[in-house]
N, C-alpha and C. Protein backbone atom coordinates (compact mmCIF):
# COMPACT_ATOMS: atom_id res chain seq x y z
N UNK A 1 -50.82 -137.21 88.58
CA UNK A 1 -51.95 -136.36 88.23
C UNK A 1 -51.51 -134.92 88.03
N UNK A 2 -50.57 -134.46 88.84
CA UNK A 2 -50.13 -133.07 88.74
C UNK A 2 -49.46 -132.79 87.39
N UNK A 3 -48.69 -133.75 86.90
CA UNK A 3 -48.05 -133.56 85.60
C UNK A 3 -49.09 -133.51 84.49
N UNK A 4 -50.12 -134.35 84.61
CA UNK A 4 -51.18 -134.35 83.61
C UNK A 4 -51.96 -133.05 83.65
N UNK A 5 -52.19 -132.55 84.86
CA UNK A 5 -52.88 -131.26 85.01
C UNK A 5 -52.07 -130.14 84.36
N UNK A 6 -50.77 -130.15 84.55
CA UNK A 6 -49.92 -129.12 83.94
C UNK A 6 -49.93 -129.23 82.42
N UNK A 7 -49.92 -130.44 81.90
CA UNK A 7 -49.97 -130.62 80.44
C UNK A 7 -51.29 -130.14 79.86
N UNK A 8 -52.38 -130.49 80.52
CA UNK A 8 -53.70 -130.05 80.04
C UNK A 8 -53.81 -128.53 80.10
N UNK A 9 -53.28 -127.96 81.16
CA UNK A 9 -53.32 -126.50 81.26
C UNK A 9 -52.47 -125.86 80.17
N UNK A 10 -51.32 -126.45 79.89
CA UNK A 10 -50.41 -125.88 78.89
C UNK A 10 -50.97 -125.99 77.48
N UNK A 11 -51.65 -127.10 77.17
CA UNK A 11 -52.06 -127.33 75.79
C UNK A 11 -53.54 -127.12 75.51
N UNK A 12 -54.39 -127.14 76.54
CA UNK A 12 -55.83 -127.03 76.29
C UNK A 12 -56.39 -125.73 76.85
N UNK A 13 -56.35 -125.56 78.16
CA UNK A 13 -57.02 -124.39 78.75
C UNK A 13 -56.34 -123.08 78.36
N UNK A 14 -55.03 -123.10 78.17
CA UNK A 14 -54.37 -121.86 77.76
C UNK A 14 -54.82 -121.46 76.36
N UNK A 15 -55.08 -122.43 75.49
CA UNK A 15 -55.56 -122.13 74.14
C UNK A 15 -57.00 -121.64 74.16
N UNK A 16 -57.79 -122.18 75.08
CA UNK A 16 -59.18 -121.73 75.18
C UNK A 16 -59.27 -120.31 75.75
N UNK A 17 -58.35 -119.98 76.65
CA UNK A 17 -58.39 -118.66 77.29
C UNK A 17 -57.72 -117.57 76.46
N UNK A 18 -56.80 -117.94 75.59
CA UNK A 18 -56.06 -116.95 74.81
C UNK A 18 -57.01 -116.25 73.83
N UNK A 19 -57.12 -114.97 73.94
CA UNK A 19 -57.95 -114.14 73.06
C UNK A 19 -59.40 -114.61 73.04
N UNK A 20 -59.91 -115.07 74.16
CA UNK A 20 -61.28 -115.57 74.14
C UNK A 20 -62.30 -114.43 74.11
N UNK A 21 -61.85 -113.18 74.26
CA UNK A 21 -62.80 -112.07 74.09
C UNK A 21 -63.27 -111.96 72.65
N UNK A 22 -62.54 -112.57 71.73
CA UNK A 22 -62.95 -112.61 70.33
C UNK A 22 -64.17 -113.53 70.16
N UNK A 23 -64.35 -114.45 71.08
CA UNK A 23 -65.42 -115.43 70.97
C UNK A 23 -66.76 -114.93 71.49
N UNK A 24 -66.84 -113.69 71.94
CA UNK A 24 -68.10 -113.14 72.46
C UNK A 24 -69.14 -113.14 71.34
N UNK A 25 -70.32 -113.62 71.64
CA UNK A 25 -71.41 -113.59 70.68
C UNK A 25 -71.47 -114.77 69.75
N UNK A 26 -70.61 -115.77 69.96
CA UNK A 26 -70.69 -116.96 69.12
C UNK A 26 -71.97 -117.71 69.39
N UNK A 27 -72.50 -118.42 68.42
CA UNK A 27 -73.71 -119.22 68.66
C UNK A 27 -73.43 -120.34 69.67
N UNK A 28 -74.49 -120.79 70.31
CA UNK A 28 -74.36 -121.84 71.32
C UNK A 28 -73.78 -123.13 70.75
N UNK A 29 -74.01 -123.39 69.48
CA UNK A 29 -73.48 -124.63 68.89
C UNK A 29 -71.95 -124.63 68.88
N UNK A 30 -71.35 -123.46 68.63
CA UNK A 30 -69.90 -123.39 68.61
C UNK A 30 -69.30 -123.38 70.00
N UNK A 31 -69.94 -122.68 70.94
CA UNK A 31 -69.41 -122.70 72.30
C UNK A 31 -69.63 -124.06 72.95
N UNK A 32 -70.65 -124.80 72.51
CA UNK A 32 -70.85 -126.15 73.04
C UNK A 32 -69.70 -127.06 72.65
N UNK A 33 -69.14 -126.85 71.47
CA UNK A 33 -67.97 -127.63 71.05
C UNK A 33 -66.78 -127.36 71.96
N UNK A 34 -66.59 -126.09 72.29
CA UNK A 34 -65.48 -125.73 73.18
C UNK A 34 -65.72 -126.28 74.59
N UNK A 35 -66.98 -126.27 75.02
CA UNK A 35 -67.31 -126.87 76.33
C UNK A 35 -66.99 -128.36 76.33
N UNK A 36 -67.25 -129.01 75.22
CA UNK A 36 -66.96 -130.43 75.11
C UNK A 36 -65.47 -130.71 75.23
N UNK A 37 -64.66 -129.85 74.65
CA UNK A 37 -63.21 -129.98 74.77
C UNK A 37 -62.78 -129.83 76.23
N UNK A 38 -63.37 -128.84 76.90
CA UNK A 38 -63.04 -128.60 78.31
C UNK A 38 -63.46 -129.78 79.18
N UNK A 39 -64.64 -130.32 78.93
CA UNK A 39 -65.10 -131.48 79.72
C UNK A 39 -64.25 -132.71 79.45
N UNK A 40 -63.82 -132.89 78.21
CA UNK A 40 -62.95 -134.03 77.88
C UNK A 40 -61.61 -133.90 78.59
N UNK A 41 -61.08 -132.70 78.66
CA UNK A 41 -59.83 -132.49 79.38
C UNK A 41 -60.00 -132.77 80.87
N UNK A 42 -61.15 -132.40 81.42
CA UNK A 42 -61.41 -132.68 82.84
C UNK A 42 -61.55 -134.18 83.08
N UNK A 43 -62.18 -134.90 82.16
CA UNK A 43 -62.28 -136.35 82.29
C UNK A 43 -60.90 -137.00 82.26
N UNK A 44 -60.03 -136.49 81.43
CA UNK A 44 -58.68 -137.01 81.35
C UNK A 44 -57.92 -136.79 82.65
N UNK A 45 -58.04 -135.60 83.21
CA UNK A 45 -57.34 -135.28 84.45
C UNK A 45 -57.88 -136.09 85.62
N UNK A 46 -59.20 -136.12 85.76
CA UNK A 46 -59.81 -136.76 86.92
C UNK A 46 -60.06 -138.24 86.78
N UNK A 47 -59.74 -138.80 85.62
CA UNK A 47 -60.00 -140.22 85.36
C UNK A 47 -61.47 -140.55 85.62
N UNK A 48 -62.35 -139.68 85.13
CA UNK A 48 -63.80 -139.84 85.30
C UNK A 48 -64.32 -140.68 84.13
N UNK A 49 -65.16 -141.69 84.40
CA UNK A 49 -65.71 -142.51 83.32
C UNK A 49 -66.51 -141.68 82.31
N UNK A 50 -66.66 -142.23 81.11
CA UNK A 50 -67.24 -141.50 79.99
C UNK A 50 -68.69 -141.07 80.24
N UNK A 51 -69.50 -141.92 80.84
CA UNK A 51 -70.92 -141.61 80.98
C UNK A 51 -71.32 -141.13 82.37
N UNK A 52 -70.39 -140.78 83.20
CA UNK A 52 -70.74 -140.21 84.51
C UNK A 52 -70.69 -138.69 84.44
N UNK A 53 -71.30 -138.04 85.41
CA UNK A 53 -71.38 -136.58 85.42
C UNK A 53 -70.01 -135.97 85.70
N UNK A 54 -69.68 -134.95 84.96
CA UNK A 54 -68.38 -134.29 85.10
C UNK A 54 -68.51 -132.88 85.65
N UNK A 55 -69.72 -132.32 85.65
CA UNK A 55 -69.89 -130.91 86.02
C UNK A 55 -69.49 -130.63 87.46
N UNK A 56 -69.80 -131.53 88.38
CA UNK A 56 -69.41 -131.32 89.78
C UNK A 56 -67.91 -131.34 89.95
N UNK A 57 -67.24 -132.24 89.26
CA UNK A 57 -65.77 -132.33 89.34
C UNK A 57 -65.12 -131.06 88.77
N UNK A 58 -65.64 -130.59 87.65
CA UNK A 58 -65.09 -129.39 87.02
C UNK A 58 -65.28 -128.17 87.93
N UNK A 59 -66.44 -128.06 88.53
CA UNK A 59 -66.76 -126.90 89.36
C UNK A 59 -66.07 -126.96 90.72
N UNK A 60 -66.16 -128.10 91.41
CA UNK A 60 -65.71 -128.17 92.79
C UNK A 60 -64.22 -128.50 92.94
N UNK A 61 -63.71 -129.35 92.10
CA UNK A 61 -62.31 -129.77 92.25
C UNK A 61 -61.37 -128.92 91.40
N UNK A 62 -61.67 -128.78 90.12
CA UNK A 62 -60.78 -128.03 89.23
C UNK A 62 -61.02 -126.53 89.27
N UNK A 63 -62.21 -126.11 89.70
CA UNK A 63 -62.59 -124.69 89.77
C UNK A 63 -62.52 -124.01 88.40
N UNK A 64 -63.00 -124.72 87.39
CA UNK A 64 -63.05 -124.18 86.03
C UNK A 64 -64.45 -123.65 85.75
N UNK A 65 -64.53 -122.58 84.99
CA UNK A 65 -65.81 -122.04 84.54
C UNK A 65 -66.16 -122.62 83.18
N UNK A 66 -67.47 -122.72 82.86
CA UNK A 66 -67.85 -123.08 81.48
C UNK A 66 -67.37 -122.00 80.51
N UNK A 67 -67.32 -122.35 79.25
CA UNK A 67 -66.72 -121.48 78.22
C UNK A 67 -67.39 -120.11 78.17
N UNK A 68 -68.71 -120.05 78.15
CA UNK A 68 -69.39 -118.75 78.05
C UNK A 68 -69.04 -117.87 79.25
N UNK A 69 -68.98 -118.46 80.43
CA UNK A 69 -68.63 -117.67 81.61
C UNK A 69 -67.16 -117.27 81.59
N UNK A 70 -66.29 -118.13 81.03
CA UNK A 70 -64.88 -117.79 80.89
C UNK A 70 -64.71 -116.58 79.97
N UNK A 71 -65.48 -116.57 78.88
CA UNK A 71 -65.39 -115.47 77.92
C UNK A 71 -65.80 -114.16 78.58
N UNK A 72 -66.93 -114.16 79.28
CA UNK A 72 -67.39 -112.94 79.93
C UNK A 72 -66.46 -112.52 81.06
N UNK A 73 -65.86 -113.49 81.74
CA UNK A 73 -64.89 -113.16 82.79
C UNK A 73 -63.68 -112.44 82.20
N UNK A 74 -63.18 -112.93 81.08
CA UNK A 74 -62.02 -112.30 80.44
C UNK A 74 -62.35 -110.89 79.97
N UNK A 75 -63.54 -110.69 79.45
CA UNK A 75 -63.94 -109.34 79.02
C UNK A 75 -64.06 -108.43 80.24
N UNK A 76 -64.62 -108.95 81.34
CA UNK A 76 -64.73 -108.15 82.56
C UNK A 76 -63.36 -107.76 83.10
N UNK A 77 -62.41 -108.66 83.04
CA UNK A 77 -61.06 -108.35 83.51
C UNK A 77 -60.43 -107.28 82.63
N UNK A 78 -60.66 -107.36 81.34
CA UNK A 78 -60.13 -106.36 80.42
C UNK A 78 -60.73 -104.98 80.71
N UNK A 79 -62.03 -104.92 80.98
CA UNK A 79 -62.68 -103.65 81.31
C UNK A 79 -62.14 -103.12 82.63
N UNK A 80 -61.93 -104.01 83.59
CA UNK A 80 -61.40 -103.59 84.90
C UNK A 80 -60.01 -102.97 84.73
N UNK A 81 -59.17 -103.59 83.90
CA UNK A 81 -57.84 -103.03 83.65
C UNK A 81 -57.94 -101.69 82.94
N UNK A 82 -58.92 -101.53 82.08
CA UNK A 82 -59.12 -100.23 81.42
C UNK A 82 -59.51 -99.17 82.43
N UNK A 83 -60.38 -99.51 83.36
CA UNK A 83 -60.82 -98.52 84.35
C UNK A 83 -59.71 -98.17 85.34
N UNK A 84 -58.82 -99.12 85.62
CA UNK A 84 -57.70 -98.84 86.51
C UNK A 84 -56.58 -98.07 85.83
N UNK A 85 -56.58 -98.08 84.49
CA UNK A 85 -55.54 -97.39 83.75
C UNK A 85 -54.36 -98.29 83.41
N UNK A 86 -54.52 -99.61 83.56
CA UNK A 86 -53.44 -100.54 83.27
C UNK A 86 -53.47 -101.06 81.84
N UNK A 87 -54.48 -100.73 81.09
CA UNK A 87 -54.62 -101.22 79.72
C UNK A 87 -54.06 -100.17 78.75
N UNK A 88 -53.83 -100.56 77.51
CA UNK A 88 -53.39 -99.56 76.52
C UNK A 88 -54.42 -98.45 76.33
N UNK A 89 -53.96 -97.32 75.88
CA UNK A 89 -54.81 -96.13 75.76
C UNK A 89 -55.98 -96.37 74.80
N UNK A 90 -55.73 -97.07 73.69
CA UNK A 90 -56.81 -97.30 72.73
C UNK A 90 -57.93 -98.14 73.32
N UNK A 91 -57.64 -99.00 74.30
CA UNK A 91 -58.70 -99.74 74.98
C UNK A 91 -59.36 -98.90 76.06
N UNK A 92 -58.59 -98.07 76.72
CA UNK A 92 -59.15 -97.20 77.76
C UNK A 92 -60.16 -96.23 77.17
N UNK A 93 -59.95 -95.81 75.93
CA UNK A 93 -60.89 -94.89 75.29
C UNK A 93 -62.23 -95.56 75.00
N UNK A 94 -62.25 -96.88 74.86
CA UNK A 94 -63.49 -97.60 74.60
C UNK A 94 -64.34 -97.75 75.86
N UNK A 95 -63.73 -97.70 77.03
CA UNK A 95 -64.42 -97.91 78.30
C UNK A 95 -64.45 -96.61 79.08
N UNK A 96 -65.29 -95.70 78.65
CA UNK A 96 -65.42 -94.41 79.33
C UNK A 96 -66.64 -94.43 80.23
N UNK A 97 -66.49 -93.99 81.47
CA UNK A 97 -67.65 -93.91 82.37
C UNK A 97 -68.65 -92.86 81.88
N UNK A 98 -69.93 -93.08 82.17
CA UNK A 98 -70.98 -92.15 81.75
C UNK A 98 -70.85 -90.82 82.46
N UNK A 99 -70.22 -90.81 83.62
CA UNK A 99 -70.10 -89.57 84.39
C UNK A 99 -69.08 -88.61 83.79
N UNK A 100 -68.30 -89.04 82.79
CA UNK A 100 -67.30 -88.13 82.21
C UNK A 100 -67.89 -87.20 81.17
N UNK A 101 -69.09 -87.46 80.69
CA UNK A 101 -69.71 -86.58 79.70
C UNK A 101 -70.27 -85.32 80.35
N UNK A 102 -70.18 -84.23 79.63
CA UNK A 102 -70.72 -82.96 80.13
C UNK A 102 -72.23 -83.08 80.22
N UNK A 103 -72.78 -82.68 81.33
CA UNK A 103 -74.22 -82.73 81.53
C UNK A 103 -74.71 -84.03 82.13
N UNK A 104 -73.86 -85.02 82.27
CA UNK A 104 -74.27 -86.30 82.84
C UNK A 104 -73.92 -86.41 84.33
N UNK A 105 -73.18 -85.45 84.87
CA UNK A 105 -72.76 -85.55 86.27
C UNK A 105 -73.93 -85.52 87.23
N UNK A 106 -75.03 -84.88 86.85
CA UNK A 106 -76.17 -84.74 87.75
C UNK A 106 -77.18 -85.88 87.60
N UNK A 107 -76.99 -86.75 86.64
CA UNK A 107 -77.93 -87.85 86.42
C UNK A 107 -77.63 -89.02 87.35
N UNK A 108 -78.64 -89.83 87.63
CA UNK A 108 -78.45 -91.00 88.48
C UNK A 108 -77.51 -92.02 87.84
N UNK A 109 -77.50 -92.09 86.53
CA UNK A 109 -76.64 -93.07 85.85
C UNK A 109 -75.16 -92.79 86.06
N UNK A 110 -74.82 -91.54 86.39
CA UNK A 110 -73.40 -91.23 86.59
C UNK A 110 -72.87 -91.82 87.88
N UNK A 111 -73.72 -91.98 88.88
CA UNK A 111 -73.26 -92.54 90.16
C UNK A 111 -73.30 -94.07 90.16
N UNK A 112 -73.91 -94.68 89.17
CA UNK A 112 -74.01 -96.14 89.13
C UNK A 112 -72.79 -96.83 88.56
N UNK A 113 -71.82 -96.09 88.06
CA UNK A 113 -70.62 -96.69 87.50
C UNK A 113 -70.83 -97.28 86.12
N UNK A 114 -71.86 -96.85 85.42
CA UNK A 114 -72.14 -97.38 84.09
C UNK A 114 -71.16 -96.80 83.09
N UNK A 115 -70.92 -97.57 82.03
CA UNK A 115 -70.02 -97.14 80.97
C UNK A 115 -70.83 -96.77 79.73
N UNK A 116 -70.25 -95.92 78.90
CA UNK A 116 -70.91 -95.50 77.66
C UNK A 116 -70.87 -96.63 76.64
N UNK A 117 -72.03 -96.95 76.10
CA UNK A 117 -72.13 -97.97 75.05
C UNK A 117 -72.56 -97.26 73.78
N UNK A 118 -71.74 -97.30 72.73
CA UNK A 118 -72.12 -96.61 71.49
C UNK A 118 -73.32 -97.28 70.82
N UNK A 119 -74.07 -96.49 70.10
CA UNK A 119 -75.21 -97.03 69.36
C UNK A 119 -74.72 -97.81 68.16
N UNK A 120 -75.42 -98.92 67.88
CA UNK A 120 -75.07 -99.74 66.72
C UNK A 120 -76.33 -100.09 65.97
N UNK A 121 -76.15 -100.46 64.72
CA UNK A 121 -77.26 -100.97 63.94
C UNK A 121 -77.50 -102.42 64.33
N UNK A 122 -78.34 -103.08 63.64
CA UNK A 122 -78.69 -104.45 64.01
C UNK A 122 -77.73 -105.50 63.46
N UNK A 123 -76.65 -105.08 62.84
CA UNK A 123 -75.70 -106.03 62.29
C UNK A 123 -75.00 -106.78 63.41
N UNK A 124 -74.87 -108.07 63.26
CA UNK A 124 -74.26 -108.91 64.28
C UNK A 124 -72.81 -108.53 64.53
N UNK A 125 -72.08 -108.25 63.47
CA UNK A 125 -70.67 -107.92 63.64
C UNK A 125 -70.49 -106.62 64.42
N UNK A 126 -71.40 -105.69 64.25
CA UNK A 126 -71.29 -104.44 65.00
C UNK A 126 -71.59 -104.66 66.47
N UNK A 127 -72.52 -105.58 66.79
CA UNK A 127 -72.84 -105.87 68.18
C UNK A 127 -71.74 -106.65 68.87
N UNK A 128 -70.87 -107.33 68.10
CA UNK A 128 -69.78 -108.10 68.67
C UNK A 128 -68.49 -107.31 68.79
N UNK A 129 -68.49 -106.05 68.38
CA UNK A 129 -67.28 -105.22 68.46
C UNK A 129 -66.92 -104.97 69.92
N UNK A 130 -65.62 -104.84 70.19
CA UNK A 130 -65.19 -104.64 71.57
C UNK A 130 -65.71 -103.33 72.15
N UNK A 131 -65.90 -102.32 71.31
CA UNK A 131 -66.39 -101.05 71.82
C UNK A 131 -67.81 -101.16 72.35
N UNK A 132 -68.56 -102.16 71.89
CA UNK A 132 -69.93 -102.37 72.33
C UNK A 132 -69.99 -103.43 73.42
N UNK A 133 -69.26 -104.52 73.24
CA UNK A 133 -69.33 -105.64 74.17
C UNK A 133 -68.72 -105.30 75.52
N UNK A 134 -67.55 -104.69 75.52
CA UNK A 134 -66.85 -104.43 76.78
C UNK A 134 -67.67 -103.58 77.75
N UNK A 135 -68.21 -102.43 77.34
CA UNK A 135 -69.01 -101.67 78.29
C UNK A 135 -70.34 -102.35 78.63
N UNK A 136 -70.87 -103.17 77.74
CA UNK A 136 -72.16 -103.82 77.99
C UNK A 136 -72.05 -104.92 79.04
N UNK A 137 -70.95 -105.65 79.00
CA UNK A 137 -70.79 -106.77 79.93
C UNK A 137 -70.60 -106.26 81.32
């Protein structure tokens, strides 16, 4: 089982996690496909029958998150690295705290640890940009 787990991690979960911040804002139909891939990999590892429930095994034994939660987790980790100063400078500039602006130090929002989110139009592509998604998440 351990060898199978290593193979699934090498060929399936690593591909799902690589650059998954690009997948933010995808429709549920597309993320459901990726969830199906993840559940199929878990069935293969755990030798779970086709029509039995897999969610408990994925959550309790494998400790895997569903795809949408994995995506948001990766974005959160990226923002955390930006705030710590471990990320590249161009990413750190996208995640600026609200307390760094002149005149915002006295506002309640400055003590809450909120980040600046730039204004966007209603275009979907603009709402999916990292400069908007990272501080929002």
